[in-house]
Amino acid sequence: MSTPAPTILVVEDDDIVRFLIIDVLEELEFRVLEAADGNEALKTLGNLDQHIDLMMTDHGLPDMDGLQLADKARELRPGLPILFASGYAESIDVPGDMHVIGKPFSIDQLRDKVKQVLNN
């Protein structure tokens, strides 16, 4: 019996960027949940019946920044792997147990980074 595909929660306020990321992740055979902002993400994270293997979030969200969201996500789901996507990847400071990918990224870069985070 095959193991189920990992589930990734994508949090991105730009609809086009969110759809592109989701499309790529689904092509790579991940299950994807989506949220347009931090509050929507927290509702999904609060549903503990929903399995989530990784949260990939934009650093700049309209209602709270990605770090604030990550802190709240970890309160709900301690140890949840978190991957920040940012056009300013080199200038954001993230905790050592969280990860960053710079925008724009290629499909290969996204695949490799997600696999790296999931395998940690």
PDB file of N, CA and C in Angstrom:
ATOM      1  N   MET A   1       0.851  -1.194   0.000  1.00  0.00           N
ATOM      2  CA  MET A   1       0.000   0.000   0.000  1.00  0.00           C
ATOM      3  C   MET A   1       0.884   1.241   0.000  1.00  0.00           C
ATOM      4  N   SER A   2       0.582   2.203  -0.849  1.00  0.00           N
ATOM      5  CA  SER A   2       1.424   3.393  -0.922  1.00  0.00           C
ATOM      6  C   SER A   2       1.057   4.369   0.193  1.00  0.00           C
ATOM      7  N   THR A   3       2.049   5.128   0.628  1.00  0.00           N
ATOM      8  CA  THR A   3       1.789   6.130   1.655  1.00  0.00           C
ATOM      9  C   THR A   3       1.107   7.326   0.992  1.00  0.00           C
ATOM     10  N   PRO A   4       0.215   7.993   1.722  1.00  0.00           N
ATOM     11  CA  PRO A   4      -0.469   9.138   1.133  1.00  0.00           C
ATOM     12  C   PRO A   4       0.521  10.270   0.848  1.00  0.00           C
ATOM     13  N   ALA A   5       0.212  11.065  -0.146  1.00  0.00           N
ATOM     14  CA  ALA A   5       1.066  12.205  -0.486  1.00  0.00           C
ATOM     15  C   ALA A   5       1.070  13.195   0.672  1.00  0.00           C
ATOM     16  N   PRO A   6       2.227  13.817   0.929  1.00  0.00           N
ATOM     17  CA  PRO A   6       2.260  14.842   1.971  1.00  0.00           C
ATOM     18  C   PRO A   6       1.294  15.979   1.647  1.00  0.00           C
ATOM     19  N   THR A   7       0.718  16.569   2.702  1.00  0.00           N
ATOM     20  CA  THR A   7      -0.217  17.677   2.550  1.00  0.00           C
ATOM     21  C   THR A   7       0.471  18.982   2.928  1.00  0.00           C
ATOM     22  N   ILE A   8       0.376  19.956   2.023  1.00  0.00           N
ATOM     23  CA  ILE A   8       1.012  21.253   2.223  1.00  0.00           C
ATOM     24  C   ILE A   8      -0.054  22.332   2.260  1.00  0.00           C
ATOM     25  N   LEU A   9      -0.004  23.167   3.299  1.00  0.00           N
ATOM     26  CA  LEU A   9      -0.880  24.337   3.387  1.00  0.00           C
ATOM     27  C   LEU A   9      -0.121  25.523   2.795  1.00  0.00           C
ATOM     28  N   VAL A  10      -0.653  26.079   1.703  1.00  0.00           N
ATOM     29  CA  VAL A  10      -0.038  27.226   1.037  1.00  0.00           C
ATOM     30  C   VAL A  10      -0.784  28.495   1.454  1.00  0.00           C
ATOM     31  N   VAL A  11      -0.046  29.439   2.056  1.00  0.00           N
ATOM     32  CA  VAL A  11      -0.636  30.703   2.505  1.00  0.00           C
ATOM     33  C   VAL A  11      -0.003  31.822   1.681  1.00  0.00           C
ATOM     34  N   GLU A  12      -0.812  32.431   0.815  1.00  0.00           N
ATOM     35  CA  GLU A  12      -0.305  33.463  -0.110  1.00  0.00           C
ATOM     36  C   GLU A  12      -1.460  34.388  -0.451  1.00  0.00           C
ATOM     37  N   ASP A  13      -1.270  35.694  -0.245  1.00  0.00           N
ATOM     38  CA  ASP A  13      -2.365  36.635  -0.484  1.00  0.00           C
ATOM     39  C   ASP A  13      -2.527  37.013  -1.953  1.00  0.00           C
ATOM     40  N   ASP A  14      -1.495  36.818  -2.762  1.00  0.00           N
ATOM     41  CA  ASP A  14      -1.601  37.119  -4.198  1.00  0.00           C
ATOM     42  C   ASP A  14      -2.214  35.903  -4.896  1.00  0.00           C
ATOM     43  N   ASP A  15      -3.436  36.065  -5.406  1.00  0.00           N
ATOM     44  CA  ASP A  15      -4.163  34.927  -5.990  1.00  0.00           C
ATOM     45  C   ASP A  15      -3.371  34.232  -7.091  1.00  0.00           C
ATOM     46  N   ILE A  16      -2.768  35.007  -7.988  1.00  0.00           N
ATOM     47  CA  ILE A  16      -2.055  34.412  -9.119  1.00  0.00           C
ATOM     48  C   ILE A  16      -0.862  33.604  -8.629  1.00  0.00           C
ATOM     49  N   VAL A  17      -0.096  34.174  -7.709  1.00  0.00           N
ATOM     50  CA  VAL A  17       1.067  33.466  -7.166  1.00  0.00           C
ATOM     51  C   VAL A  17       0.619  32.200  -6.440  1.00  0.00           C
ATOM     52  N   ARG A  18      -0.468  32.322  -5.637  1.00  0.00           N
ATOM     53  CA  ARG A  18      -0.980  31.159  -4.904  1.00  0.00           C
ATOM     54  C   ARG A  18      -1.391  30.056  -5.864  1.00  0.00           C
ATOM     55  N   PHE A  19      -2.121  30.405  -6.926  1.00  0.00           N
ATOM     56  CA  PHE A  19      -2.563  29.387  -7.894  1.00  0.00           C
ATOM     57  C   PHE A  19      -1.371  28.728  -8.584  1.00  0.00           C
ATOM     58  N   LEU A  20      -0.348  29.515  -8.914  1.00  0.00           N
ATOM     59  CA  LEU A  20       0.845  28.951  -9.553  1.00  0.00           C
ATOM     60  C   LEU A  20       1.556  27.964  -8.628  1.00  0.00           C
ATOM     61  N   ILE A  21       1.731  28.356  -7.358  1.00  0.00           N
ATOM     62  CA  ILE A  21       2.397  27.463  -6.394  1.00  0.00           C
ATOM     63  C   ILE A  21       1.588  26.182  -6.224  1.00  0.00           C
ATOM     64  N   ILE A  22       0.272  26.321  -6.077  1.00  0.00           N
ATOM     65  CA  ILE A  22      -0.595  25.153  -5.910  1.00  0.00           C
ATOM     66  C   ILE A  22      -0.490  24.241  -7.125  1.00  0.00           C
ATOM     67  N   ASP A  23      -0.534  24.839  -8.311  1.00  0.00           N
ATOM     68  CA  ASP A  23      -0.442  24.070  -9.548  1.00  0.00           C
ATOM     69  C   ASP A  23       0.859  23.261  -9.595  1.00  0.00           C
ATOM     70  N   VAL A  24       1.965  23.910  -9.258  1.00  0.00           N
ATOM     71  CA  VAL A  24       3.264  23.233  -9.274  1.00  0.00           C
ATOM     72  C   VAL A  24       3.291  22.106  -8.240  1.00  0.00           C
ATOM     73  N   LEU A  25       2.833  22.396  -7.027  1.00  0.00           N
ATOM     74  CA  LEU A  25       2.855  21.368  -5.970  1.00  0.00           C
ATOM     75  C   LEU A  25       1.969  20.180  -6.334  1.00  0.00           C
ATOM     76  N   GLU A  26       0.803  20.451  -6.935  1.00  0.00           N
ATOM     77  CA  GLU A  26      -0.075  19.340  -7.346  1.00  0.00           C
ATOM     78  C   GLU A  26       0.562  18.536  -8.471  1.00  0.00           C
ATOM     79  N   GLU A  27       1.268  19.227  -9.395  1.00  0.00           N
ATOM     80  CA  GLU A  27       2.010  18.519 -10.453  1.00  0.00           C
ATOM     81  C   GLU A  27       3.052  17.584  -9.839  1.00  0.00           C
ATOM     82  N   LEU A  28       3.639  18.022  -8.716  1.00  0.00           N
ATOM     83  CA  LEU A  28       4.652  17.223  -8.018  1.00  0.00           C
ATOM     84  C   LEU A  28       4.005  16.172  -7.111  1.00  0.00           C
ATOM     85  N   GLU A  29       2.673  16.064  -7.199  1.00  0.00           N
ATOM     86  CA  GLU A  29       1.874  15.041  -6.511  1.00  0.00           C
ATOM     87  C   GLU A  29       1.774  15.218  -5.001  1.00  0.00           C
ATOM     88  N   PHE A  30       1.778  16.489  -4.564  1.00  0.00           N
ATOM     89  CA  PHE A  30       1.466  16.793  -3.171  1.00  0.00           C
ATOM     90  C   PHE A  30      -0.022  17.102  -3.079  1.00  0.00           C
ATOM     91  N   ARG A  31      -0.609  16.863  -1.889  1.00  0.00           N
ATOM     92  CA  ARG A  31      -1.960  17.352  -1.614  1.00  0.00           C
ATOM     93  C   ARG A  31      -1.803  18.780  -1.134  1.00  0.00           C
ATOM     94  N   VAL A  32      -2.674  19.668  -1.585  1.00  0.00           N
ATOM     95  CA  VAL A  32      -2.507  21.079  -1.251  1.00  0.00           C
ATOM     96  C   VAL A  32      -3.785  21.659  -0.661  1.00  0.00           C
ATOM     97  N   LEU A  33      -3.621  22.380   0.444  1.00  0.00           N
ATOM     98  CA  LEU A  33      -4.679  23.196   1.027  1.00  0.00           C
ATOM     99  C   LEU A  33      -4.246  24.634   0.808  1.00  0.00           C
ATOM    100  N   GLU A  34      -5.192  25.561   0.764  1.00  0.00           N
ATOM    101  CA  GLU A  34      -4.806  26.942   0.502  1.00  0.00           C
ATOM    102  C   GLU A  34      -5.494  27.913   1.438  1.00  0.00           C
ATOM    103  N   ALA A  35      -4.803  29.037   1.666  1.00  0.00           N
ATOM    104  CA  ALA A  35      -5.360  30.132   2.449  1.00  0.00           C
ATOM    105  C   ALA A  35      -4.836  31.437   1.855  1.00  0.00           C
ATOM    106  N   ALA A  36      -5.708  32.445   1.812  1.00  0.00           N
ATOM    107  CA  ALA A  36      -5.333  33.738   1.224  1.00  0.00           C
ATOM    108  C   ALA A  36      -4.720  34.678   2.251  1.00  0.00           C
ATOM    109  N   ASP A  37      -4.848  34.341   3.539  1.00  0.00           N
ATOM    110  CA  ASP A  37      -4.264  35.198   4.575  1.00  0.00           C
ATOM    111  C   ASP A  37      -4.054  34.390   5.851  1.00  0.00           C
ATOM    112  N   GLY A  38      -3.460  35.031   6.836  1.00  0.00           N
ATOM    113  CA  GLY A  38      -3.128  34.352   8.082  1.00  0.00           C
ATOM    114  C   GLY A  38      -4.335  33.827   8.825  1.00  0.00           C
ATOM    115  N   ASN A  39      -5.405  34.629   8.882  1.00  0.00           N
ATOM    116  CA  ASN A  39      -6.590  34.190   9.627  1.00  0.00           C
ATOM    117  C   ASN A  39      -7.215  32.940   9.006  1.00  0.00           C
ATOM    118  N   GLU A  40      -7.260  32.922   7.666  1.00  0.00           N
ATOM    119  CA  GLU A  40      -7.788  31.746   6.969  1.00  0.00           C
ATOM    120  C   GLU A  40      -6.899  30.523   7.249  1.00  0.00           C
ATOM    121  N   ALA A  41      -5.584  30.746   7.252  1.00  0.00           N
ATOM    122  CA  ALA A  41      -4.641  29.657   7.542  1.00  0.00           C
ATOM    123  C   ALA A  41      -4.852  29.123   8.951  1.00  0.00           C
ATOM    124  N   LEU A  42      -5.068  30.014   9.908  1.00  0.00           N
ATOM    125  CA  LEU A  42      -5.247  29.579  11.298  1.00  0.00           C
ATOM    126  C   LEU A  42      -6.524  28.760  11.472  1.00  0.00           C
ATOM    127  N   LYS A  43      -7.566  29.092  10.710  1.00  0.00           N
ATOM    128  CA  LYS A  43      -8.785  28.270  10.752  1.00  0.00           C
ATOM    129  C   LYS A  43      -8.484  26.851  10.288  1.00  0.00           C
ATOM    130  N   THR A  44      -7.736  26.735   9.183  1.00  0.00           N
ATOM    131  CA  THR A  44      -7.375  25.411   8.667  1.00  0.00           C
ATOM    132  C   THR A  44      -6.485  24.676   9.659  1.00  0.00           C
ATOM    133  N   LEU A  45      -5.491  25.373  10.216  1.00  0.00           N
ATOM    134  CA  LEU A  45      -4.575  24.759  11.179  1.00  0.00           C
ATOM    135  C   LEU A  45      -5.302  24.332  12.450  1.00  0.00           C
ATOM    136  N   GLY A  46      -6.359  25.075  12.812  1.00  0.00           N
ATOM    137  CA  GLY A  46      -7.114  24.761  14.015  1.00  0.00           C
ATOM    138  C   GLY A  46      -7.966  23.517  13.898  1.00  0.00           C
ATOM    139  N   ASN A  47      -8.201  23.061  12.661  1.00  0.00           N
ATOM    140  CA  ASN A  47      -8.959  21.826  12.437  1.00  0.00           C
ATOM    141  C   ASN A  47      -7.979  20.662  12.536  1.00  0.00           C
ATOM    142  N   LEU A  48      -7.849  20.111  13.733  1.00  0.00           N
ATOM    143  CA  LEU A  48      -6.827  19.082  13.957  1.00  0.00           C
ATOM    144  C   LEU A  48      -7.173  17.747  13.307  1.00  0.00           C
ATOM    145  N   ASP A  49      -8.394  17.624  12.755  1.00  0.00           N
ATOM    146  CA  ASP A  49      -8.730  16.427  11.973  1.00  0.00           C
ATOM    147  C   ASP A  49      -8.055  16.468  10.602  1.00  0.00           C
ATOM    148  N   GLN A  50      -7.630  17.663  10.182  1.00  0.00           N
ATOM    149  CA  GLN A  50      -6.973  17.841   8.888  1.00  0.00           C
ATOM    150  C   GLN A  50      -5.470  17.654   9.056  1.00  0.00           C
ATOM    151  N   HIS A  51      -4.925  16.624   8.421  1.00  0.00           N
ATOM    152  CA  HIS A  51      -3.484  16.375   8.504  1.00  0.00           C
ATOM    153  C   HIS A  51      -2.737  17.386   7.633  1.00  0.00           C
ATOM    154  N   ILE A  52      -1.678  17.982   8.187  1.00  0.00           N
ATOM    155  CA  ILE A  52      -0.843  18.927   7.440  1.00  0.00           C
ATOM    156  C   ILE A  52       0.616  18.589   7.724  1.00  0.00           C
ATOM    157  N   ASP A  53       1.394  18.378   6.647  1.00  0.00           N
ATOM    158  CA  ASP A  53       2.800  18.020   6.790  1.00  0.00           C
ATOM    159  C   ASP A  53       3.731  19.224   6.742  1.00  0.00           C
ATOM    160  N   LEU A  54       3.263  20.317   6.127  1.00  0.00           N
ATOM    161  CA  LEU A  54       4.121  21.483   5.913  1.00  0.00           C
ATOM    162  C   LEU A  54       3.244  22.699   5.667  1.00  0.00           C
ATOM    163  N   MET A  55       3.641  23.835   6.241  1.00  0.00           N
ATOM    164  CA  MET A  55       2.992  25.097   5.892  1.00  0.00           C
ATOM    165  C   MET A  55       4.006  25.932   5.118  1.00  0.00           C
ATOM    166  N   MET A  56       3.608  26.322   3.912  1.00  0.00           N
ATOM    167  CA  MET A  56       4.419  27.216   3.083  1.00  0.00           C
ATOM    168  C   MET A  56       3.705  28.551   3.064  1.00  0.00           C
ATOM    169  N   THR A  57       4.357  29.588   3.587  1.00  0.00           N
ATOM    170  CA  THR A  57       3.684  30.874   3.692  1.00  0.00           C
ATOM    171  C   THR A  57       4.512  32.005   3.115  1.00  0.00           C
ATOM    172  N   ASP A  58       3.802  32.948   2.523  1.00  0.00           N
ATOM    173  CA  ASP A  58       4.424  34.195   2.102  1.00  0.00           C
ATOM    174  C   ASP A  58       4.862  34.911   3.374  1.00  0.00           C
ATOM    175  N   HIS A  59       5.954  35.646   3.305  1.00  0.00           N
ATOM    176  CA  HIS A  59       6.395  36.385   4.490  1.00  0.00           C
ATOM    177  C   HIS A  59       5.541  37.627   4.699  1.00  0.00           C
ATOM    178  N   GLY A  60       5.137  38.282   3.599  1.00  0.00           N
ATOM    179  CA  GLY A  60       4.340  39.500   3.705  1.00  0.00           C
ATOM    180  C   GLY A  60       2.874  39.219   3.447  1.00  0.00           C
ATOM    181  N   LEU A  61       2.102  39.097   4.509  1.00  0.00           N
ATOM    182  CA  LEU A  61       0.652  38.864   4.395  1.00  0.00           C
ATOM    183  C   LEU A  61      -0.078  40.116   4.868  1.00  0.00           C
ATOM    184  N   PRO A  62      -1.331  40.335   4.420  1.00  0.00           N
ATOM    185  CA  PRO A  62      -2.023  41.580   4.761  1.00  0.00           C
ATOM    186  C   PRO A  62      -2.421  41.701   6.237  1.00  0.00           C
ATOM    187  N   ASP A  63      -2.757  40.589   6.898  1.00  0.00           N
ATOM    188  CA  ASP A  63      -3.306  40.697   8.248  1.00  0.00           C
ATOM    189  C   ASP A  63      -2.283  40.440   9.350  1.00  0.00           C
ATOM    190  N   MET A  64      -1.216  39.723   9.040  1.00  0.00           N
ATOM    191  CA  MET A  64      -0.133  39.470   9.984  1.00  0.00           C
ATOM    192  C   MET A  64       1.040  39.012   9.134  1.00  0.00           C
ATOM    193  N   ASP A  65       2.272  39.186   9.632  1.00  0.00           N
ATOM    194  CA  ASP A  65       3.358  38.728   8.781  1.00  0.00           C
ATOM    195  C   ASP A  65       3.570  37.220   8.956  1.00  0.00           C
ATOM    196  N   GLY A  66       4.360  36.659   8.074  1.00  0.00           N
ATOM    197  CA  GLY A  66       4.561  35.216   8.078  1.00  0.00           C
ATOM    198  C   GLY A  66       5.132  34.690   9.381  1.00  0.00           C
ATOM    199  N   LEU A  67       5.995  35.479  10.040  1.00  0.00           N
ATOM    200  CA  LEU A  67       6.566  35.040  11.317  1.00  0.00           C
ATOM    201  C   LEU A  67       5.504  34.977  12.408  1.00  0.00           C
ATOM    202  N   GLN A  68       4.606  35.978  12.426  1.00  0.00           N
ATOM    203  CA  GLN A  68       3.510  35.946  13.409  1.00  0.00           C
ATOM    204  C   GLN A  68       2.626  34.724  13.155  1.00  0.00           C
ATOM    205  N   LEU A  69       2.337  34.470  11.879  1.00  0.00           N
ATOM    206  CA  LEU A  69       1.538  33.299  11.525  1.00  0.00           C
ATOM    207  C   LEU A  69       2.253  32.017  11.953  1.00  0.00           C
ATOM    208  N   ALA A  70       3.548  31.947  11.706  1.00  0.00           N
ATOM    209  CA  ALA A  70       4.316  30.749  12.072  1.00  0.00           C
ATOM    210  C   ALA A  70       4.259  30.497  13.577  1.00  0.00           C
ATOM    211  N   ASP A  71       4.386  31.568  14.373  1.00  0.00           N
ATOM    212  CA  ASP A  71       4.318  31.413  15.833  1.00  0.00           C
ATOM    213  C   ASP A  71       2.958  30.865  16.253  1.00  0.00           C
ATOM    214  N   LYS A  72       1.887  31.410  15.673  1.00  0.00           N
ATOM    215  CA  LYS A  72       0.539  30.950  16.014  1.00  0.00           C
ATOM    216  C   LYS A  72       0.310  29.525  15.504  1.00  0.00           C
ATOM    217  N   ALA A  73       0.857  29.222  14.327  1.00  0.00           N
ATOM    218  CA  ALA A  73       0.728  27.868  13.770  1.00  0.00           C
ATOM    219  C   ALA A  73       1.388  26.854  14.691  1.00  0.00           C
ATOM    220  N   ARG A  74       2.562  27.201  15.222  1.00  0.00           N
ATOM    221  CA  ARG A  74       3.288  26.287  16.105  1.00  0.00           C
ATOM    222  C   ARG A  74       2.584  26.123  17.454  1.00  0.00           C
ATOM    223  N   GLU A  75       1.811  27.142  17.865  1.00  0.00           N
ATOM    224  CA  GLU A  75       1.010  26.978  19.092  1.00  0.00           C
ATOM    225  C   GLU A  75      -0.051  25.905  18.855  1.00  0.00           C
ATOM    226  N   LEU A  76      -0.655  25.918  17.662  1.00  0.00           N
ATOM    227  CA  LEU A  76      -1.699  24.949  17.323  1.00  0.00           C
ATOM    228  C   LEU A  76      -1.113  23.579  16.985  1.00  0.00           C
ATOM    229  N   ARG A  77       0.048  23.580  16.326  1.00  0.00           N
ATOM    230  CA  ARG A  77       0.675  22.341  15.836  1.00  0.00           C
ATOM    231  C   ARG A  77       2.182  22.406  16.095  1.00  0.00           C
ATOM    232  N   PRO A  78       2.586  22.087  17.330  1.00  0.00           N
ATOM    233  CA  PRO A  78       4.013  22.146  17.656  1.00  0.00           C
ATOM    234  C   PRO A  78       4.823  21.260  16.694  1.00  0.00           C
ATOM    235  N   GLY A  79       5.956  21.778  16.258  1.00  0.00           N
ATOM    236  CA  GLY A  79       6.824  21.000  15.380  1.00  0.00           C
ATOM    237  C   GLY A  79       6.452  21.015  13.912  1.00  0.00           C
ATOM    238  N   LEU A  80       5.385  21.748  13.536  1.00  0.00           N
ATOM    239  CA  LEU A  80       4.983  21.815  12.132  1.00  0.00           C
ATOM    240  C   LEU A  80       6.109  22.430  11.310  1.00  0.00           C
ATOM    241  N   PRO A  81       6.570  21.750  10.255  1.00  0.00           N
ATOM    242  CA  PRO A  81       7.585  22.357   9.386  1.00  0.00           C
ATOM    243  C   PRO A  81       7.013  23.584   8.676  1.00  0.00           C
ATOM    244  N   ILE A  82       7.825  24.640   8.632  1.00  0.00           N
ATOM    245  CA  ILE A  82       7.377  25.896   8.038  1.00  0.00           C
ATOM    246  C   ILE A  82       8.403  26.367   7.011  1.00  0.00           C
ATOM    247  N   LEU A  83       7.889  26.720   5.826  1.00  0.00           N
ATOM    248  CA  LEU A  83       8.714  27.226   4.734  1.00  0.00           C
ATOM    249  C   LEU A  83       8.193  28.605   4.341  1.00  0.00           C
ATOM    250  N   PHE A  84       9.046  29.613   4.482  1.00  0.00           N
ATOM    251  CA  PHE A  84       8.682  30.961   4.064  1.00  0.00           C
ATOM    252  C   PHE A  84       9.087  31.157   2.613  1.00  0.00           C
ATOM    253  N   ALA A  85       8.214  31.800   1.842  1.00  0.00           N
ATOM    254  CA  ALA A  85       8.546  32.209   0.475  1.00  0.00           C
ATOM    255  C   ALA A  85       8.602  33.724   0.493  1.00  0.00           C
ATOM    256  N   SER A  86       9.713  34.280   0.007  1.00  0.00           N
ATOM    257  CA  SER A  86       9.843  35.726   0.062  1.00  0.00           C
ATOM    258  C   SER A  86      10.705  36.243  -1.069  1.00  0.00           C
ATOM    259  N   GLY A  87      10.304  37.378  -1.614  1.00  0.00           N
ATOM    260  CA  GLY A  87      11.135  38.068  -2.583  1.00  0.00           C
ATOM    261  C   GLY A  87      12.338  38.715  -1.925  1.00  0.00           C
ATOM    262  N   TYR A  88      12.333  38.714  -0.589  1.00  0.00           N
ATOM    263  CA  TYR A  88      13.428  39.311   0.181  1.00  0.00           C
ATOM    264  C   TYR A  88      14.059  38.259   1.074  1.00  0.00           C
ATOM    265  N   ALA A  89      14.242  37.052   0.539  1.00  0.00           N
ATOM    266  CA  ALA A  89      14.686  35.910   1.341  1.00  0.00           C
ATOM    267  C   ALA A  89      15.972  36.185   2.106  1.00  0.00           C
ATOM    268  N   GLU A  90      16.889  36.938   1.470  1.00  0.00           N
ATOM    269  CA  GLU A  90      18.179  37.154   2.122  1.00  0.00           C
ATOM    270  C   GLU A  90      18.082  38.128   3.290  1.00  0.00           C
ATOM    271  N   SER A  91      16.985  38.885   3.364  1.00  0.00           N
ATOM    272  CA  SER A  91      16.900  39.906   4.411  1.00  0.00           C
ATOM    273  C   SER A  91      15.908  39.563   5.520  1.00  0.00           C
ATOM    274  N   ILE A  92      15.241  38.412   5.432  1.00  0.00           N
ATOM    275  CA  ILE A  92      14.323  38.072   6.527  1.00  0.00           C
ATOM    276  C   ILE A  92      15.016  37.124   7.495  1.00  0.00           C
ATOM    277  N   ASP A  93      14.724  37.321   8.753  1.00  0.00           N
ATOM    278  CA  ASP A  93      15.353  36.552   9.813  1.00  0.00           C
ATOM    279  C   ASP A  93      14.341  35.517  10.295  1.00  0.00           C
ATOM    280  N   VAL A  94      14.632  34.248  10.085  1.00  0.00           N
ATOM    281  CA  VAL A  94      13.692  33.217  10.527  1.00  0.00           C
ATOM    282  C   VAL A  94      14.368  32.329  11.554  1.00  0.00           C
ATOM    283  N   PRO A  95      13.569  31.764  12.491  1.00  0.00           N
ATOM    284  CA  PRO A  95      14.137  30.844  13.475  1.00  0.00           C
ATOM    285  C   PRO A  95      14.864  29.688  12.791  1.00  0.00           C
ATOM    286  N   GLY A  96      15.857  29.143  13.460  1.00  0.00           N
ATOM    287  CA  GLY A  96      16.715  28.112  12.891  1.00  0.00           C
ATOM    288  C   GLY A  96      15.996  26.860  12.433  1.00  0.00           C
ATOM    289  N   ASP A  97      14.823  26.582  13.019  1.00  0.00           N
ATOM    290  CA  ASP A  97      14.102  25.363  12.640  1.00  0.00           C
ATOM    291  C   ASP A  97      13.049  25.636  11.562  1.00  0.00           C
ATOM    292  N   MET A  98      13.099  26.828  10.958  1.00  0.00           N
ATOM    293  CA  MET A  98      12.189  27.154   9.861  1.00  0.00           C
ATOM    294  C   MET A  98      13.030  27.409   8.608  1.00  0.00           C
ATOM    295  N   HIS A  99      12.404  27.405   7.448  1.00  0.00           N
ATOM    296  CA  HIS A  99      13.122  27.441   6.182  1.00  0.00           C
ATOM    297  C   HIS A  99      12.626  28.579   5.299  1.00  0.00           C
ATOM    298  N   VAL A 100      13.474  28.998   4.336  1.00  0.00           N
ATOM    299  CA  VAL A 100      13.128  30.089   3.431  1.00  0.00           C
ATOM    300  C   VAL A 100      13.461  29.684   2.003  1.00  0.00           C
ATOM    301  N   ILE A 101      12.594  30.052   1.075  1.00  0.00           N
ATOM    302  CA  ILE A 101      12.895  29.948  -0.349  1.00  0.00           C
ATOM    303  C   ILE A 101      12.658  31.326  -0.948  1.00  0.00           C
ATOM    304  N   GLY A 102      13.596  31.768  -1.782  1.00  0.00           N
ATOM    305  CA  GLY A 102      13.485  33.091  -2.388  1.00  0.00           C
ATOM    306  C   GLY A 102      12.585  33.076  -3.613  1.00  0.00           C
ATOM    307  N   LYS A 103      11.758  34.128  -3.725  1.00  0.00           N
ATOM    308  CA  LYS A 103      10.941  34.299  -4.928  1.00  0.00           C
ATOM    309  C   LYS A 103      11.697  35.194  -5.884  1.00  0.00           C
ATOM    310  N   PRO A 104      11.645  35.007  -7.164  1.00  0.00           N
ATOM    311  CA  PRO A 104      10.944  33.882  -7.813  1.00  0.00           C
ATOM    312  C   PRO A 104      11.785  32.610  -7.720  1.00  0.00           C
ATOM    313  N   PHE A 105      11.111  31.458  -7.734  1.00  0.00           N
ATOM    314  CA  PHE A 105      11.824  30.179  -7.698  1.00  0.00           C
ATOM    315  C   PHE A 105      11.344  29.325  -8.855  1.00  0.00           C
ATOM    316  N   SER A 106      12.210  28.400  -9.266  1.00  0.00           N
ATOM    317  CA  SER A 106      11.836  27.490 -10.351  1.00  0.00           C
ATOM    318  C   SER A 106      11.066  26.306  -9.775  1.00  0.00           C
ATOM    319  N   ILE A 107      10.442  25.551 -10.628  1.00  0.00           N
ATOM    320  CA  ILE A 107       9.750  24.336 -10.213  1.00  0.00           C
ATOM    321  C   ILE A 107      10.733  23.394  -9.518  1.00  0.00           C
ATOM    322  N   ASP A 108      11.922  23.242 -10.092  1.00  0.00           N
ATOM    323  CA  ASP A 108      12.927  22.358  -9.496  1.00  0.00           C
ATOM    324  C   ASP A 108      13.359  22.845  -8.122  1.00  0.00           C
ATOM    325  N   GLN A 109      13.560  24.160  -7.989  1.00  0.00           N
ATOM    326  CA  GLN A 109      13.959  24.700  -6.682  1.00  0.00           C
ATOM    327  C   GLN A 109      12.872  24.457  -5.640  1.00  0.00           C
ATOM    328  N   LEU A 110      11.608  24.652  -6.030  1.00  0.00           N
ATOM    329  CA  LEU A 110      10.497  24.435  -5.105  1.00  0.00           C
ATOM    330  C   LEU A 110      10.429  22.966  -4.708  1.00  0.00           C
ATOM    331  N   ARG A 111      10.505  22.073  -5.687  1.00  0.00           N
ATOM    332  CA  ARG A 111      10.463  20.635  -5.403  1.00  0.00           C
ATOM    333  C   ARG A 111      11.579  20.247  -4.443  1.00  0.00           C
ATOM    334  N   ASP A 112      12.801  20.677  -4.736  1.00  0.00           N
ATOM    335  CA  ASP A 112      13.950  20.294  -3.916  1.00  0.00           C
ATOM    336  C   ASP A 112      13.824  20.843  -2.500  1.00  0.00           C
ATOM    337  N   LYS A 113      13.372  22.092  -2.375  1.00  0.00           N
ATOM    338  CA  LYS A 113      13.251  22.718  -1.055  1.00  0.00           C
ATOM    339  C   LYS A 113      12.162  22.027  -0.232  1.00  0.00           C
ATOM    340  N   VAL A 114      11.016  21.750  -0.849  1.00  0.00           N
ATOM    341  CA  VAL A 114       9.922  21.087  -0.122  1.00  0.00           C
ATOM    342  C   VAL A 114      10.366  19.701   0.333  1.00  0.00           C
ATOM    343  N   LYS A 115      11.032  18.963  -0.547  1.00  0.00           N
ATOM    344  CA  LYS A 115      11.507  17.624  -0.162  1.00  0.00           C
ATOM    345  C   LYS A 115      12.522  17.713   0.973  1.00  0.00           C
ATOM    346  N   GLN A 116      13.412  18.696   0.894  1.00  0.00           N
ATOM    347  CA  GLN A 116      14.418  18.883   1.939  1.00  0.00           C
ATOM    348  C   GLN A 116      13.743  19.155   3.296  1.00  0.00           C
ATOM    349  N   VAL A 117      12.761  20.055   3.299  1.00  0.00           N
ATOM    350  CA  VAL A 117      12.065  20.395   4.531  1.00  0.00           C
ATOM    351  C   VAL A 117      11.311  19.194   5.086  1.00  0.00           C
ATOM    352  N   LEU A 118      10.605  18.470   4.217  1.00  0.00           N
ATOM    353  CA  LEU A 118       9.819  17.311   4.654  1.00  0.00           C
ATOM    354  C   LEU A 118      10.714  16.182   5.173  1.00  0.00           C
ATOM    355  N   ASN A 119      11.918  16.074   4.646  1.00  0.00           N
ATOM    356  CA  ASN A 119      12.812  14.994   5.058  1.00  0.00           C
ATOM    357  C   ASN A 119      13.649  15.335   6.286  1.00  0.00           C
ATOM    358  N   ASN A 120      13.551  16.563   6.768  1.00  0.00           N
ATOM    359  CA  ASN A 120      14.331  16.980   7.942  1.00  0.00           C
ATOM    360  C   ASN A 120      13.855  16.271   9.192  1.00  0.00           C
TER     361      ASN A 120
END
